[in-house]
Amino acid sequence: MLGAVGCYAWVRLNGPNGIAEMQAKRAAVRQLAEENEILERKVIGLSKETEDLQSNREVIELWIRKMTNKIKRNETKFVDPSASAH
């Protein structure tokens, strides 16, 4: 009886759902947890940006000017040619 239990345990631990599979699943869970943390930080940043865009007129104006690539009257814009090459 003890030999049968030992044999069963060995097959379960070394089979397709054994230790190697558990380690692979744990690694996948760790990777997904790291990705979740990165995404949570992005969500927090985007939430802050959204809040600023909803309430701060200066931020709204700056965002629109950036998106439309326009400047105010009597304003000078300097362009670094080496920065645009990258």
PDB file of N, CA and C in Angstrom:
ATOM      1  N   MET A   1       0.821  -1.196   0.000  1.00  0.00           N
ATOM      2  CA  MET A   1       0.000   0.000   0.000  1.00  0.00           C
ATOM      3  C   MET A   1       0.865   1.260   0.000  1.00  0.00           C
ATOM      4  N   LEU A   2       1.879   1.258   0.856  1.00  0.00           N
ATOM      5  CA  LEU A   2       2.767   2.413   0.936  1.00  0.00           C
ATOM      6  C   LEU A   2       3.503   2.625  -0.386  1.00  0.00           C
ATOM      7  N   GLY A   3       3.879   1.546  -1.036  1.00  0.00           N
ATOM      8  CA  GLY A   3       4.551   1.641  -2.337  1.00  0.00           C
ATOM      9  C   GLY A   3       3.638   2.233  -3.390  1.00  0.00           C
ATOM     10  N   ALA A   4       2.370   1.884  -3.353  1.00  0.00           N
ATOM     11  CA  ALA A   4       1.408   2.419  -4.319  1.00  0.00           C
ATOM     12  C   ALA A   4       1.214   3.917  -4.110  1.00  0.00           C
ATOM     13  N   VAL A   5       1.142   4.351  -2.844  1.00  0.00           N
ATOM     14  CA  VAL A   5       0.986   5.775  -2.531  1.00  0.00           C
ATOM     15  C   VAL A   5       2.233   6.539  -2.967  1.00  0.00           C
ATOM     16  N   GLY A   6       3.387   5.975  -2.702  1.00  0.00           N
ATOM     17  CA  GLY A   6       4.637   6.612  -3.112  1.00  0.00           C
ATOM     18  C   GLY A   6       4.738   6.719  -4.621  1.00  0.00           C
ATOM     19  N   CYS A   7       4.334   5.668  -5.310  1.00  0.00           N
ATOM     20  CA  CYS A   7       4.352   5.680  -6.774  1.00  0.00           C
ATOM     21  C   CYS A   7       3.384   6.729  -7.316  1.00  0.00           C
ATOM     22  N   TYR A   8       2.204   6.793  -6.719  1.00  0.00           N
ATOM     23  CA  TYR A   8       1.201   7.776  -7.145  1.00  0.00           C
ATOM     24  C   TYR A   8       1.729   9.201  -6.940  1.00  0.00           C
ATOM     25  N   ALA A   9       2.340   9.435  -5.770  1.00  0.00           N
ATOM     26  CA  ALA A   9       2.891  10.759  -5.471  1.00  0.00           C
ATOM     27  C   ALA A   9       3.994  11.117  -6.465  1.00  0.00           C
ATOM     28  N   TRP A  10       4.862  10.158  -6.770  1.00  0.00           N
ATOM     29  CA  TRP A  10       5.939  10.430  -7.713  1.00  0.00           C
ATOM     30  C   TRP A  10       5.378  10.799  -9.090  1.00  0.00           C
ATOM     31  N   VAL A  11       4.369  10.070  -9.550  1.00  0.00           N
ATOM     32  CA  VAL A  11       3.752  10.340 -10.854  1.00  0.00           C
ATOM     33  C   VAL A  11       3.099  11.714 -10.850  1.00  0.00           C
ATOM     34  N   ARG A  12       2.391  12.056  -9.759  1.00  0.00           N
ATOM     35  CA  ARG A  12       1.718  13.359  -9.680  1.00  0.00           C
ATOM     36  C   ARG A  12       2.724  14.509  -9.681  1.00  0.00           C
ATOM     37  N   LEU A  13       3.830  14.346  -8.956  1.00  0.00           N
ATOM     38  CA  LEU A  13       4.824  15.418  -8.866  1.00  0.00           C
ATOM     39  C   LEU A  13       5.636  15.574 -10.143  1.00  0.00           C
ATOM     40  N   ASN A  14       5.823  14.508 -10.884  1.00  0.00           N
ATOM     41  CA  ASN A  14       6.639  14.563 -12.086  1.00  0.00           C
ATOM     42  C   ASN A  14       5.819  14.532 -13.369  1.00  0.00           C
ATOM     43  N   GLY A  15       4.532  14.443 -13.253  1.00  0.00           N
ATOM     44  CA  GLY A  15       3.659  14.369 -14.421  1.00  0.00           C
ATOM     45  C   GLY A  15       3.412  15.735 -15.040  1.00  0.00           C
ATOM     46  N   PRO A  16       2.448  15.801 -15.945  1.00  0.00           N
ATOM     47  CA  PRO A  16       2.173  17.048 -16.673  1.00  0.00           C
ATOM     48  C   PRO A  16       1.682  18.182 -15.776  1.00  0.00           C
ATOM     49  N   ASN A  17       1.116  17.884 -14.630  1.00  0.00           N
ATOM     50  CA  ASN A  17       0.675  18.929 -13.690  1.00  0.00           C
ATOM     51  C   ASN A  17       1.530  18.921 -12.437  1.00  0.00           C
ATOM     52  N   GLY A  18       2.778  18.548 -12.587  1.00  0.00           N
ATOM     53  CA  GLY A  18       3.679  18.395 -11.448  1.00  0.00           C
ATOM     54  C   GLY A  18       4.386  19.683 -11.071  1.00  0.00           C
ATOM     55  N   ILE A  19       5.540  19.505 -10.477  1.00  0.00           N
ATOM     56  CA  ILE A  19       6.319  20.621  -9.942  1.00  0.00           C
ATOM     57  C   ILE A  19       6.731  21.596 -11.033  1.00  0.00           C
ATOM     58  N   ALA A  20       7.188  21.102 -12.161  1.00  0.00           N
ATOM     59  CA  ALA A  20       7.638  21.989 -13.241  1.00  0.00           C
ATOM     60  C   ALA A  20       6.490  22.880 -13.718  1.00  0.00           C
ATOM     61  N   GLU A  21       5.318  22.300 -13.835  1.00  0.00           N
ATOM     62  CA  GLU A  21       4.149  23.074 -14.271  1.00  0.00           C
ATOM     63  C   GLU A  21       3.783  24.128 -13.228  1.00  0.00           C
ATOM     64  N   MET A  22       3.861  23.772 -11.959  1.00  0.00           N
ATOM     65  CA  MET A  22       3.565  24.730 -10.891  1.00  0.00           C
ATOM     66  C   MET A  22       4.562  25.888 -10.908  1.00  0.00           C
ATOM     67  N   GLN A  23       5.825  25.595 -11.142  1.00  0.00           N
ATOM     68  CA  GLN A  23       6.841  26.642 -11.202  1.00  0.00           C
ATOM     69  C   GLN A  23       6.595  27.566 -12.396  1.00  0.00           C
ATOM     70  N   ALA A  24       6.216  26.996 -13.517  1.00  0.00           N
ATOM     71  CA  ALA A  24       5.921  27.808 -14.696  1.00  0.00           C
ATOM     72  C   ALA A  24       4.718  28.708 -14.443  1.00  0.00           C
ATOM     73  N   LYS A  25       3.711  28.175 -13.785  1.00  0.00           N
ATOM     74  CA  LYS A  25       2.523  28.985 -13.477  1.00  0.00           C
ATOM     75  C   LYS A  25       2.854  30.100 -12.501  1.00  0.00           C
ATOM     76  N   ARG A  26       3.685  29.801 -11.512  1.00  0.00           N
ATOM     77  CA  ARG A  26       4.087  30.850 -10.565  1.00  0.00           C
ATOM     78  C   ARG A  26       4.874  31.954 -11.265  1.00  0.00           C
ATOM     79  N   ALA A  27       5.744  31.582 -12.187  1.00  0.00           N
ATOM     80  CA  ALA A  27       6.505  32.580 -12.939  1.00  0.00           C
ATOM     81  C   ALA A  27       5.559  33.436 -13.782  1.00  0.00           C
ATOM     82  N   ALA A  28       4.558  32.813 -14.381  1.00  0.00           N
ATOM     83  CA  ALA A  28       3.588  33.559 -15.182  1.00  0.00           C
ATOM     84  C   ALA A  28       2.784  34.514 -14.298  1.00  0.00           C
ATOM     85  N   VAL A  29       2.419  34.068 -13.116  1.00  0.00           N
ATOM     86  CA  VAL A  29       1.682  34.927 -12.186  1.00  0.00           C
ATOM     87  C   VAL A  29       2.540  36.110 -11.764  1.00  0.00           C
ATOM     88  N   ARG A  30       3.823  35.868 -11.483  1.00  0.00           N
ATOM     89  CA  ARG A  30       4.738  36.959 -11.126  1.00  0.00           C
ATOM     90  C   ARG A  30       4.845  37.979 -12.255  1.00  0.00           C
ATOM     91  N   GLN A  31       4.973  37.484 -13.486  1.00  0.00           N
ATOM     92  CA  GLN A  31       5.079  38.369 -14.649  1.00  0.00           C
ATOM     93  C   GLN A  31       3.811  39.206 -14.799  1.00  0.00           C
ATOM     94  N   LEU A  32       2.664  38.581 -14.651  1.00  0.00           N
ATOM     95  CA  LEU A  32       1.400  39.306 -14.763  1.00  0.00           C
ATOM     96  C   LEU A  32       1.245  40.323 -13.637  1.00  0.00           C
ATOM     97  N   ALA A  33       1.722  40.011 -12.446  1.00  0.00           N
ATOM     98  CA  ALA A  33       1.659  40.955 -11.332  1.00  0.00           C
ATOM     99  C   ALA A  33       2.517  42.189 -11.624  1.00  0.00           C
ATOM    100  N   GLU A  34       3.698  41.975 -12.202  1.00  0.00           N
ATOM    101  CA  GLU A  34       4.561  43.104 -12.575  1.00  0.00           C
ATOM    102  C   GLU A  34       3.893  43.964 -13.644  1.00  0.00           C
ATOM    103  N   GLU A  35       3.291  43.320 -14.636  1.00  0.00           N
ATOM    104  CA  GLU A  35       2.584  44.062 -15.676  1.00  0.00           C
ATOM    105  C   GLU A  35       1.423  44.843 -15.073  1.00  0.00           C
ATOM    106  N   ASN A  36       0.735  44.251 -14.110  1.00  0.00           N
ATOM    107  CA  ASN A  36      -0.366  44.938 -13.435  1.00  0.00           C
ATOM    108  C   ASN A  36       0.116  46.198 -12.729  1.00  0.00           C
ATOM    109  N   GLU A  37       1.251  46.108 -12.039  1.00  0.00           N
ATOM    110  CA  GLU A  37       1.801  47.268 -11.345  1.00  0.00           C
ATOM    111  C   GLU A  37       2.118  48.391 -12.325  1.00  0.00           C
ATOM    112  N   ILE A  38       2.712  48.041 -13.455  1.00  0.00           N
ATOM    113  CA  ILE A  38       3.041  49.045 -14.474  1.00  0.00           C
ATOM    114  C   ILE A  38       1.764  49.701 -14.992  1.00  0.00           C
ATOM    115  N   LEU A  39       0.767  48.885 -15.281  1.00  0.00           N
ATOM    116  CA  LEU A  39      -0.500  49.423 -15.781  1.00  0.00           C
ATOM    117  C   LEU A  39      -1.207  50.284 -14.737  1.00  0.00           C
ATOM    118  N   GLU A  40      -1.129  49.894 -13.472  1.00  0.00           N
ATOM    119  CA  GLU A  40      -1.738  50.700 -12.411  1.00  0.00           C
ATOM    120  C   GLU A  40      -1.077  52.070 -12.322  1.00  0.00           C
ATOM    121  N   ARG A  41       0.256  52.113 -12.457  1.00  0.00           N
ATOM    122  CA  ARG A  41       0.961  53.405 -12.436  1.00  0.00           C
ATOM    123  C   ARG A  41       0.536  54.269 -13.625  1.00  0.00           C
ATOM    124  N   LYS A  42       0.366  53.631 -14.799  1.00  0.00           N
ATOM    125  CA  LYS A  42      -0.091  54.378 -15.971  1.00  0.00           C
ATOM    126  C   LYS A  42      -1.493  54.920 -15.756  1.00  0.00           C
ATOM    127  N   VAL A  43      -2.364  54.116 -15.167  1.00  0.00           N
ATOM    128  CA  VAL A  43      -3.742  54.549 -14.908  1.00  0.00           C
ATOM    129  C   VAL A  43      -3.750  55.738 -13.957  1.00  0.00           C
ATOM    130  N   ILE A  44      -2.927  55.680 -12.920  1.00  0.00           N
ATOM    131  CA  ILE A  44      -2.857  56.797 -11.972  1.00  0.00           C
ATOM    132  C   ILE A  44      -2.380  58.059 -12.673  1.00  0.00           C
ATOM    133  N   GLY A  45      -1.356  57.927 -13.508  1.00  0.00           N
ATOM    134  CA  GLY A  45      -0.856  59.089 -14.256  1.00  0.00           C
ATOM    135  C   GLY A  45      -1.898  59.647 -15.203  1.00  0.00           C
ATOM    136  N   LEU A  46      -2.595  58.770 -15.902  1.00  0.00           N
ATOM    137  CA  LEU A  46      -3.632  59.227 -16.829  1.00  0.00           C
ATOM    138  C   LEU A  46      -4.815  59.839 -16.083  1.00  0.00           C
ATOM    139  N   SER A  47      -5.125  59.310 -14.913  1.00  0.00           N
ATOM    140  CA  SER A  47      -6.207  59.883 -14.107  1.00  0.00           C
ATOM    141  C   SER A  47      -5.853  61.298 -13.676  1.00  0.00           C
ATOM    142  N   LYS A  48      -4.600  61.493 -13.269  1.00  0.00           N
ATOM    143  CA  LYS A  48      -4.140  62.838 -12.880  1.00  0.00           C
ATOM    144  C   LYS A  48      -4.196  63.774 -14.069  1.00  0.00           C
ATOM    145  N   GLU A  49      -3.731  63.305 -15.218  1.00  0.00           N
ATOM    146  CA  GLU A  49      -3.760  64.130 -16.430  1.00  0.00           C
ATOM    147  C   GLU A  49      -5.193  64.474 -16.809  1.00  0.00           C
ATOM    148  N   THR A  50      -6.098  63.523 -16.715  1.00  0.00           N
ATOM    149  CA  THR A  50      -7.503  63.764 -17.035  1.00  0.00           C
ATOM    150  C   THR A  50      -8.104  64.785 -16.082  1.00  0.00           C
ATOM    151  N   GLU A  51      -7.787  64.638 -14.798  1.00  0.00           N
ATOM    152  CA  GLU A  51      -8.290  65.589 -13.801  1.00  0.00           C
ATOM    153  C   GLU A  51      -7.789  66.998 -14.103  1.00  0.00           C
ATOM    154  N   ASP A  52      -6.497  67.113 -14.438  1.00  0.00           N
ATOM    155  CA  ASP A  52      -5.930  68.425 -14.786  1.00  0.00           C
ATOM    156  C   ASP A  52      -6.603  68.999 -16.022  1.00  0.00           C
ATOM    157  N   LEU A  53      -6.840  68.147 -17.019  1.00  0.00           N
ATOM    158  CA  LEU A  53      -7.471  68.627 -18.253  1.00  0.00           C
ATOM    159  C   LEU A  53      -8.924  69.048 -18.018  1.00  0.00           C
ATOM    160  N   GLN A  54      -9.567  68.492 -17.015  1.00  0.00           N
ATOM    161  CA  GLN A  54     -10.947  68.860 -16.731  1.00  0.00           C
ATOM    162  C   GLN A  54     -11.049  70.133 -15.908  1.00  0.00           C
ATOM    163  N   SER A  55      -9.999  70.475 -15.161  1.00  0.00           N
ATOM    164  CA  SER A  55     -10.131  71.575 -14.213  1.00  0.00           C
ATOM    165  C   SER A  55      -9.157  72.730 -14.409  1.00  0.00           C
ATOM    166  N   ASN A  56      -8.038  72.529 -15.047  1.00  0.00           N
ATOM    167  CA  ASN A  56      -7.007  73.553 -15.130  1.00  0.00           C
ATOM    168  C   ASN A  56      -6.947  74.116 -16.550  1.00  0.00           C
ATOM    169  N   ARG A  57      -7.360  75.362 -16.692  1.00  0.00           N
ATOM    170  CA  ARG A  57      -7.422  75.992 -18.011  1.00  0.00           C
ATOM    171  C   ARG A  57      -6.054  76.090 -18.682  1.00  0.00           C
ATOM    172  N   GLU A  58      -5.022  76.355 -17.912  1.00  0.00           N
ATOM    173  CA  GLU A  58      -3.673  76.464 -18.483  1.00  0.00           C
ATOM    174  C   GLU A  58      -3.218  75.117 -19.052  1.00  0.00           C
ATOM    175  N   VAL A  59      -3.512  74.045 -18.350  1.00  0.00           N
ATOM    176  CA  VAL A  59      -3.138  72.712 -18.821  1.00  0.00           C
ATOM    177  C   VAL A  59      -3.909  72.380 -20.096  1.00  0.00           C
ATOM    178  N   ILE A  60      -5.185  72.748 -20.131  1.00  0.00           N
ATOM    179  CA  ILE A  60      -6.008  72.509 -21.325  1.00  0.00           C
ATOM    180  C   ILE A  60      -5.408  73.242 -22.527  1.00  0.00           C
ATOM    181  N   GLU A  61      -5.092  74.523 -22.320  1.00  0.00           N
ATOM    182  CA  GLU A  61      -4.534  75.328 -23.409  1.00  0.00           C
ATOM    183  C   GLU A  61      -3.202  74.758 -23.888  1.00  0.00           C
ATOM    184  N   LEU A  62      -2.342  74.392 -22.974  1.00  0.00           N
ATOM    185  CA  LEU A  62      -1.040  73.837 -23.331  1.00  0.00           C
ATOM    186  C   LEU A  62      -1.208  72.524 -24.095  1.00  0.00           C
ATOM    187  N   TRP A  63      -2.126  71.661 -23.650  1.00  0.00           N
ATOM    188  CA  TRP A  63      -2.371  70.375 -24.308  1.00  0.00           C
ATOM    189  C   TRP A  63      -2.875  70.591 -25.735  1.00  0.00           C
ATOM    190  N   ILE A  64      -3.802  71.515 -25.914  1.00  0.00           N
ATOM    191  CA  ILE A  64      -4.338  71.796 -27.255  1.00  0.00           C
ATOM    192  C   ILE A  64      -3.238  72.341 -28.158  1.00  0.00           C
ATOM    193  N   ARG A  65      -2.438  73.256 -27.641  1.00  0.00           N
ATOM    194  CA  ARG A  65      -1.346  73.823 -28.451  1.00  0.00           C
ATOM    195  C   ARG A  65      -0.334  72.749 -28.828  1.00  0.00           C
ATOM    196  N   LYS A  66      -0.076  71.841 -27.920  1.00  0.00           N
ATOM    197  CA  LYS A  66       0.865  70.755 -28.204  1.00  0.00           C
ATOM    198  C   LYS A  66       0.303  69.828 -29.280  1.00  0.00           C
ATOM    199  N   MET A  67      -0.981  69.476 -29.171  1.00  0.00           N
ATOM    200  CA  MET A  67      -1.602  68.557 -30.118  1.00  0.00           C
ATOM    201  C   MET A  67      -1.763  69.173 -31.509  1.00  0.00           C
ATOM    202  N   THR A  68      -2.011  70.483 -31.567  1.00  0.00           N
ATOM    203  CA  THR A  68      -2.206  71.144 -32.859  1.00  0.00           C
ATOM    204  C   THR A  68      -0.919  71.759 -33.398  1.00  0.00           C
ATOM    205  N   ASN A  69       0.155  71.705 -32.595  1.00  0.00           N
ATOM    206  CA  ASN A  69       1.461  72.244 -32.992  1.00  0.00           C
ATOM    207  C   ASN A  69       1.371  73.732 -33.337  1.00  0.00           C
ATOM    208  N   LYS A  70       0.644  74.482 -32.507  1.00  0.00           N
ATOM    209  CA  LYS A  70       0.497  75.921 -32.716  1.00  0.00           C
ATOM    210  C   LYS A  70       1.099  76.673 -31.540  1.00  0.00           C
ATOM    211  N   ILE A  71       1.420  77.952 -31.799  1.00  0.00           N
ATOM    212  CA  ILE A  71       1.954  78.806 -30.755  1.00  0.00           C
ATOM    213  C   ILE A  71       1.118  80.072 -30.678  1.00  0.00           C
ATOM    214  N   LYS A  72       1.253  80.789 -29.565  1.00  0.00           N
ATOM    215  CA  LYS A  72       0.526  82.047 -29.386  1.00  0.00           C
ATOM    216  C   LYS A  72       1.186  83.144 -30.207  1.00  0.00           C
ATOM    217  N   ARG A  73       0.436  84.194 -30.433  1.00  0.00           N
ATOM    218  CA  ARG A  73       0.977  85.374 -31.103  1.00  0.00           C
ATOM    219  C   ARG A  73       2.125  85.939 -30.277  1.00  0.00           C
ATOM    220  N   ASN A  74       3.152  86.414 -30.936  1.00  0.00           N
ATOM    221  CA  ASN A  74       4.349  86.981 -30.298  1.00  0.00           C
ATOM    222  C   ASN A  74       5.103  85.952 -29.448  1.00  0.00           C
ATOM    223  N   GLU A  75       4.912  84.707 -29.721  1.00  0.00           N
ATOM    224  CA  GLU A  75       5.617  83.648 -29.013  1.00  0.00           C
ATOM    225  C   GLU A  75       6.637  83.031 -29.972  1.00  0.00           C
ATOM    226  N   THR A  76       7.795  82.654 -29.465  1.00  0.00           N
ATOM    227  CA  THR A  76       8.834  82.074 -30.294  1.00  0.00           C
ATOM    228  C   THR A  76       9.003  80.609 -29.928  1.00  0.00           C
ATOM    229  N   LYS A  77       9.107  79.790 -30.953  1.00  0.00           N
ATOM    230  CA  LYS A  77       9.310  78.362 -30.725  1.00  0.00           C
ATOM    231  C   LYS A  77      10.662  77.976 -31.317  1.00  0.00           C
ATOM    232  N   PHE A  78      11.490  77.338 -30.515  1.00  0.00           N
ATOM    233  CA  PHE A  78      12.791  76.900 -30.956  1.00  0.00           C
ATOM    234  C   PHE A  78      12.733  75.402 -31.223  1.00  0.00           C
ATOM    235  N   VAL A  79      13.269  74.992 -32.369  1.00  0.00           N
ATOM    236  CA  VAL A  79      13.270  73.594 -32.739  1.00  0.00           C
ATOM    237  C   VAL A  79      14.710  73.109 -32.826  1.00  0.00           C
ATOM    238  N   ASP A  80      14.990  72.042 -32.150  1.00  0.00           N
ATOM    239  CA  ASP A  80      16.320  71.433 -32.167  1.00  0.00           C
ATOM    240  C   ASP A  80      16.331  70.387 -33.274  1.00  0.00           C
ATOM    241  N   PRO A  81      17.030  70.620 -34.388  1.00  0.00           N
ATOM    242  CA  PRO A  81      17.021  69.670 -35.489  1.00  0.00           C
ATOM    243  C   PRO A  81      17.560  68.301 -35.118  1.00  0.00           C
ATOM    244  N   SER A  82      18.491  68.240 -34.193  1.00  0.00           N
ATOM    245  CA  SER A  82      19.036  66.941 -33.800  1.00  0.00           C
ATOM    246  C   SER A  82      18.009  66.121 -33.014  1.00  0.00           C
ATOM    247  N   ALA A  83      17.104  66.773 -32.329  1.00  0.00           N
ATOM    248  CA  ALA A  83      16.075  66.072 -31.544  1.00  0.00           C
ATOM    249  C   ALA A  83      15.029  65.460 -32.475  1.00  0.00           C
ATOM    250  N   SER A  84      14.733  66.095 -33.573  1.00  0.00           N
ATOM    251  CA  SER A  84      13.711  65.563 -34.487  1.00  0.00           C
ATOM    252  C   SER A  84      14.244  64.426 -35.354  1.00  0.00           C
ATOM    253  N   ALA A  85      15.553  64.263 -35.409  1.00  0.00           N
ATOM    254  CA  ALA A  85      16.133  63.183 -36.220  1.00  0.00           C
ATOM    255  C   ALA A  85      15.952  61.837 -35.571  1.00  0.00           C
ATOM    256  N   HIS A  86      15.663  61.802 -34.277  1.00  0.00           N
ATOM    257  CA  HIS A  86      15.525  60.533 -33.550  1.00  0.00           C
ATOM    258  C   HIS A  86      14.121  60.166 -33.549  1.00  0.00           C
TER     259      HIS A  86
END
